[in-house]
Amino acid sequence: MHKELEKQLQGYGLTTAHIIYRMPDHQAILQTYIWQDYDLAPEFPEMRSFLKFWQEKLDGPLHSVRYIHRKLISATEWRSLKGEFIIN
């Protein structure tokens, strides 16, 4: 089974974060970065881990983070069916 599908079946959804940060040498200039990964709402451990890494290891200080989250497979879309079609 593909890693992405396995995560989706475990409740992960696709999270996209729009990160705005300050240039290290020119604090008045803002840059943008898009981050995307499978994550669990509402705690968002993957995104929080990435933002922690950013703050600890990268030079550009964060200005703001906007994000959106969407489950790609929900309980109403994934269900087990028992049945059989016989043709001919």
N, C-alpha and C. Protein backbone atom coordinates (compact mmCIF):
# COMPACT_ATOMS: atom_id res chain seq x y z
N MET A 1 0.84 -1.17 0.00
CA MET A 1 0.00 0.00 0.00
C MET A 1 0.89 1.24 0.00
N HIS A 2 0.50 2.25 -0.75
CA HIS A 2 1.27 3.49 -0.81
C HIS A 2 1.23 4.21 0.52
N LYS A 3 2.35 4.83 0.85
CA LYS A 3 2.49 5.55 2.11
C LYS A 3 1.42 6.63 2.27
N GLU A 4 1.13 7.38 1.20
CA GLU A 4 0.15 8.47 1.27
C GLU A 4 -1.25 7.93 1.54
N LEU A 5 -1.64 6.87 0.86
CA LEU A 5 -2.96 6.28 1.07
C LEU A 5 -3.08 5.71 2.48
N GLU A 6 -2.02 5.09 2.97
CA GLU A 6 -2.02 4.55 4.32
C GLU A 6 -2.24 5.67 5.35
N LYS A 7 -1.56 6.78 5.16
CA LYS A 7 -1.76 7.92 6.07
C LYS A 7 -3.19 8.44 6.00
N GLN A 8 -3.74 8.53 4.81
CA GLN A 8 -5.11 9.01 4.65
C GLN A 8 -6.10 8.11 5.37
N LEU A 9 -5.88 6.82 5.30
CA LEU A 9 -6.77 5.86 5.98
C LEU A 9 -6.61 5.94 7.50
N GLN A 10 -5.49 6.48 7.97
CA GLN A 10 -5.26 6.66 9.41
C GLN A 10 -5.80 8.00 9.91
N GLY A 11 -6.42 8.79 9.02
CA GLY A 11 -7.02 10.05 9.42
C GLY A 11 -6.24 11.29 9.05
N TYR A 12 -5.11 11.12 8.39
CA TYR A 12 -4.32 12.28 7.97
C TYR A 12 -5.02 12.99 6.81
N GLY A 13 -4.83 14.28 6.75
CA GLY A 13 -5.32 15.06 5.63
C GLY A 13 -4.18 15.89 5.07
N LEU A 14 -4.40 16.50 3.93
CA LEU A 14 -3.37 17.30 3.30
C LEU A 14 -3.38 18.71 3.89
N THR A 15 -2.25 19.14 4.42
CA THR A 15 -2.11 20.47 5.01
C THR A 15 -1.16 21.28 4.14
N THR A 16 -1.60 22.48 3.80
CA THR A 16 -0.77 23.41 3.04
C THR A 16 -0.60 24.67 3.88
N ALA A 17 0.63 25.07 4.09
CA ALA A 17 0.93 26.27 4.88
C ALA A 17 1.59 27.31 3.99
N HIS A 18 1.09 28.54 4.08
CA HIS A 18 1.68 29.68 3.40
C HIS A 18 2.49 30.44 4.45
N ILE A 19 3.80 30.32 4.38
CA ILE A 19 4.69 30.87 5.39
C ILE A 19 5.30 32.17 4.86
N ILE A 20 5.17 33.23 5.64
CA ILE A 20 5.80 34.50 5.30
C ILE A 20 6.90 34.73 6.33
N TYR A 21 8.10 35.03 5.83
CA TYR A 21 9.24 35.20 6.72
C TYR A 21 10.06 36.41 6.30
N ARG A 22 10.85 36.91 7.21
CA ARG A 22 11.71 38.07 6.94
C ARG A 22 13.05 37.61 6.39
N MET A 23 13.58 38.37 5.44
CA MET A 23 14.91 38.08 4.91
C MET A 23 15.93 38.29 6.02
N PRO A 24 16.86 37.36 6.20
CA PRO A 24 17.83 37.48 7.29
C PRO A 24 18.65 38.78 7.27
N ASP A 25 19.10 39.20 6.09
CA ASP A 25 19.94 40.39 6.00
C ASP A 25 19.16 41.69 5.80
N HIS A 26 17.89 41.58 5.45
CA HIS A 26 17.05 42.75 5.19
C HIS A 26 15.68 42.51 5.84
N GLN A 27 15.59 42.76 7.12
CA GLN A 27 14.40 42.42 7.91
C GLN A 27 13.11 43.08 7.41
N ALA A 28 13.21 44.17 6.66
CA ALA A 28 12.01 44.85 6.16
C ALA A 28 11.42 44.14 4.94
N ILE A 29 12.17 43.22 4.34
CA ILE A 29 11.70 42.50 3.15
C ILE A 29 11.12 41.16 3.56
N LEU A 30 9.89 40.91 3.08
CA LEU A 30 9.22 39.64 3.37
C LEU A 30 9.32 38.71 2.18
N GLN A 31 9.48 37.43 2.47
CA GLN A 31 9.51 36.38 1.45
C GLN A 31 8.39 35.39 1.77
N THR A 32 8.06 34.57 0.82
CA THR A 32 7.01 33.57 1.03
C THR A 32 7.54 32.18 0.72
N TYR A 33 6.99 31.20 1.42
CA TYR A 33 7.37 29.80 1.24
C TYR A 33 6.09 28.96 1.40
N ILE A 34 5.90 27.99 0.54
CA ILE A 34 4.74 27.09 0.62
C ILE A 34 5.24 25.72 1.09
N TRP A 35 4.61 25.23 2.16
CA TRP A 35 4.94 23.91 2.72
C TRP A 35 3.68 23.04 2.62
N GLN A 36 3.84 21.78 2.26
CA GLN A 36 2.70 20.88 2.14
C GLN A 36 3.09 19.48 2.57
N ASP A 37 2.23 18.87 3.40
CA ASP A 37 2.48 17.50 3.86
C ASP A 37 1.18 16.94 4.42
N TYR A 38 1.15 15.64 4.63
CA TYR A 38 0.01 15.01 5.30
C TYR A 38 0.15 15.23 6.80
N ASP A 39 -0.95 15.62 7.44
CA ASP A 39 -0.89 15.97 8.86
C ASP A 39 -2.22 15.65 9.52
N LEU A 40 -2.20 15.63 10.85
CA LEU A 40 -3.39 15.34 11.65
C LEU A 40 -3.93 16.62 12.29
N ALA A 41 -5.17 16.96 11.94
CA ALA A 41 -5.83 18.12 12.57
C ALA A 41 -6.46 17.65 13.87
N PRO A 42 -6.61 18.45 14.88
CA PRO A 42 -6.28 19.87 14.95
C PRO A 42 -4.90 20.14 15.57
N GLU A 43 -4.14 19.11 15.93
CA GLU A 43 -2.84 19.33 16.58
C GLU A 43 -1.74 19.69 15.58
N PHE A 44 -1.81 19.17 14.36
CA PHE A 44 -0.83 19.42 13.30
C PHE A 44 0.60 19.14 13.75
N PRO A 45 0.92 17.92 14.16
CA PRO A 45 2.28 17.62 14.62
C PRO A 45 3.36 17.78 13.54
N GLU A 46 3.05 17.46 12.29
CA GLU A 46 4.04 17.59 11.22
C GLU A 46 4.37 19.05 10.95
N MET A 47 3.34 19.89 10.86
CA MET A 47 3.57 21.31 10.60
C MET A 47 4.29 21.97 11.78
N ARG A 48 3.88 21.63 12.99
CA ARG A 48 4.53 22.20 14.17
C ARG A 48 6.01 21.79 14.22
N SER A 49 6.29 20.56 13.86
CA SER A 49 7.68 20.09 13.84
C SER A 49 8.49 20.87 12.81
N PHE A 50 7.90 21.09 11.64
CA PHE A 50 8.59 21.85 10.60
C PHE A 50 8.84 23.29 11.05
N LEU A 51 7.84 23.92 11.66
CA LEU A 51 7.99 25.31 12.11
C LEU A 51 9.02 25.41 13.24
N LYS A 52 9.08 24.39 14.09
CA LYS A 52 10.09 24.37 15.15
C LYS A 52 11.49 24.27 14.54
N PHE A 53 11.63 23.38 13.55
CA PHE A 53 12.90 23.27 12.83
C PHE A 53 13.28 24.61 12.21
N TRP A 54 12.31 25.28 11.57
CA TRP A 54 12.55 26.57 10.93
C TRP A 54 13.11 27.57 11.94
N GLN A 55 12.43 27.67 13.09
CA GLN A 55 12.83 28.65 14.10
C GLN A 55 14.19 28.33 14.72
N GLU A 56 14.52 27.06 14.83
CA GLU A 56 15.79 26.67 15.47
C GLU A 56 16.97 26.66 14.50
N LYS A 57 16.74 26.35 13.23
CA LYS A 57 17.85 26.11 12.31
C LYS A 57 18.00 27.13 11.18
N LEU A 58 16.94 27.82 10.81
CA LEU A 58 17.01 28.73 9.67
C LEU A 58 17.11 30.18 10.13
N ASP A 59 17.73 31.00 9.31
CA ASP A 59 18.00 32.38 9.69
C ASP A 59 16.81 33.33 9.51
N GLY A 60 15.93 33.08 8.58
CA GLY A 60 14.82 34.00 8.30
C GLY A 60 13.72 33.89 9.34
N PRO A 61 13.54 34.91 10.20
CA PRO A 61 12.50 34.84 11.23
C PRO A 61 11.10 34.81 10.63
N LEU A 62 10.23 34.01 11.23
CA LEU A 62 8.85 33.90 10.75
C LEU A 62 8.09 35.18 11.01
N HIS A 63 7.29 35.56 10.04
CA HIS A 63 6.39 36.71 10.18
C HIS A 63 4.98 36.21 10.45
N SER A 64 4.50 35.28 9.62
CA SER A 64 3.15 34.73 9.80
C SER A 64 3.03 33.41 9.06
N VAL A 65 2.04 32.63 9.49
CA VAL A 65 1.76 31.33 8.85
C VAL A 65 0.25 31.22 8.70
N ARG A 66 -0.20 31.00 7.48
CA ARG A 66 -1.61 30.70 7.21
C ARG A 66 -1.65 29.27 6.66
N TYR A 67 -2.66 28.52 7.07
CA TYR A 67 -2.71 27.14 6.59
C TYR A 67 -4.15 26.72 6.31
N ILE A 68 -4.25 25.68 5.51
CA ILE A 68 -5.53 25.06 5.20
C ILE A 68 -5.33 23.56 5.28
N HIS A 69 -6.37 22.85 5.70
CA HIS A 69 -6.28 21.40 5.89
C HIS A 69 -7.51 20.76 5.28
N ARG A 70 -7.31 19.66 4.60
CA ARG A 70 -8.44 18.96 3.99
C ARG A 70 -8.19 17.46 4.06
N LYS A 71 -9.16 16.77 4.63
CA LYS A 71 -9.10 15.31 4.60
C LYS A 71 -9.49 14.87 3.19
N LEU A 72 -8.69 14.01 2.62
CA LEU A 72 -8.96 13.55 1.27
C LEU A 72 -9.89 12.35 1.26
N ILE A 73 -9.89 11.60 2.33
CA ILE A 73 -10.81 10.48 2.49
C ILE A 73 -11.54 10.68 3.81
N SER A 74 -12.86 10.78 3.74
CA SER A 74 -13.62 10.94 4.98
C SER A 74 -14.44 9.68 5.23
N ALA A 75 -15.03 9.61 6.40
CA ALA A 75 -15.79 8.41 6.78
C ALA A 75 -16.92 8.12 5.80
N THR A 76 -17.53 9.15 5.24
CA THR A 76 -18.64 8.93 4.30
C THR A 76 -18.16 8.49 2.93
N GLU A 77 -16.90 8.66 2.63
CA GLU A 77 -16.38 8.29 1.32
C GLU A 77 -15.72 6.91 1.31
N TRP A 78 -15.35 6.41 2.45
CA TRP A 78 -14.67 5.12 2.52
C TRP A 78 -15.53 4.17 3.32
N ARG A 79 -16.04 3.15 2.69
CA ARG A 79 -16.88 2.19 3.40
C ARG A 79 -16.68 0.80 2.81
N SER A 80 -16.89 -0.15 3.64
CA SER A 80 -16.76 -1.53 3.22
C SER A 80 -18.11 -2.01 2.69
N LEU A 81 -18.09 -2.56 1.50
CA LEU A 81 -19.31 -3.07 0.90
C LEU A 81 -19.15 -4.57 0.65
N LYS A 82 -20.22 -5.29 0.88
CA LYS A 82 -20.22 -6.72 0.56
C LYS A 82 -21.23 -6.93 -0.54
N GLY A 83 -20.79 -7.48 -1.61
CA GLY A 83 -21.70 -7.73 -2.72
C GLY A 83 -20.95 -8.35 -3.87
N GLU A 84 -21.72 -8.75 -4.84
CA GLU A 84 -21.12 -9.42 -5.99
C GLU A 84 -22.03 -9.21 -7.18
N PHE A 85 -21.45 -8.89 -8.32
CA PHE A 85 -22.19 -8.81 -9.57
C PHE A 85 -21.78 -10.00 -10.41
N ILE A 86 -22.71 -10.74 -10.89
CA ILE A 86 -22.42 -11.87 -11.79
C ILE A 86 -22.94 -11.49 -13.17
N ILE A 87 -22.02 -11.48 -14.11
CA ILE A 87 -22.37 -11.14 -15.49
C ILE A 87 -22.25 -12.40 -16.32
N ASN A 88 -23.34 -12.75 -16.99
CA ASN A 88 -23.47 -13.94 -17.82
C ASN A 88 -23.66 -15.12 -16.97
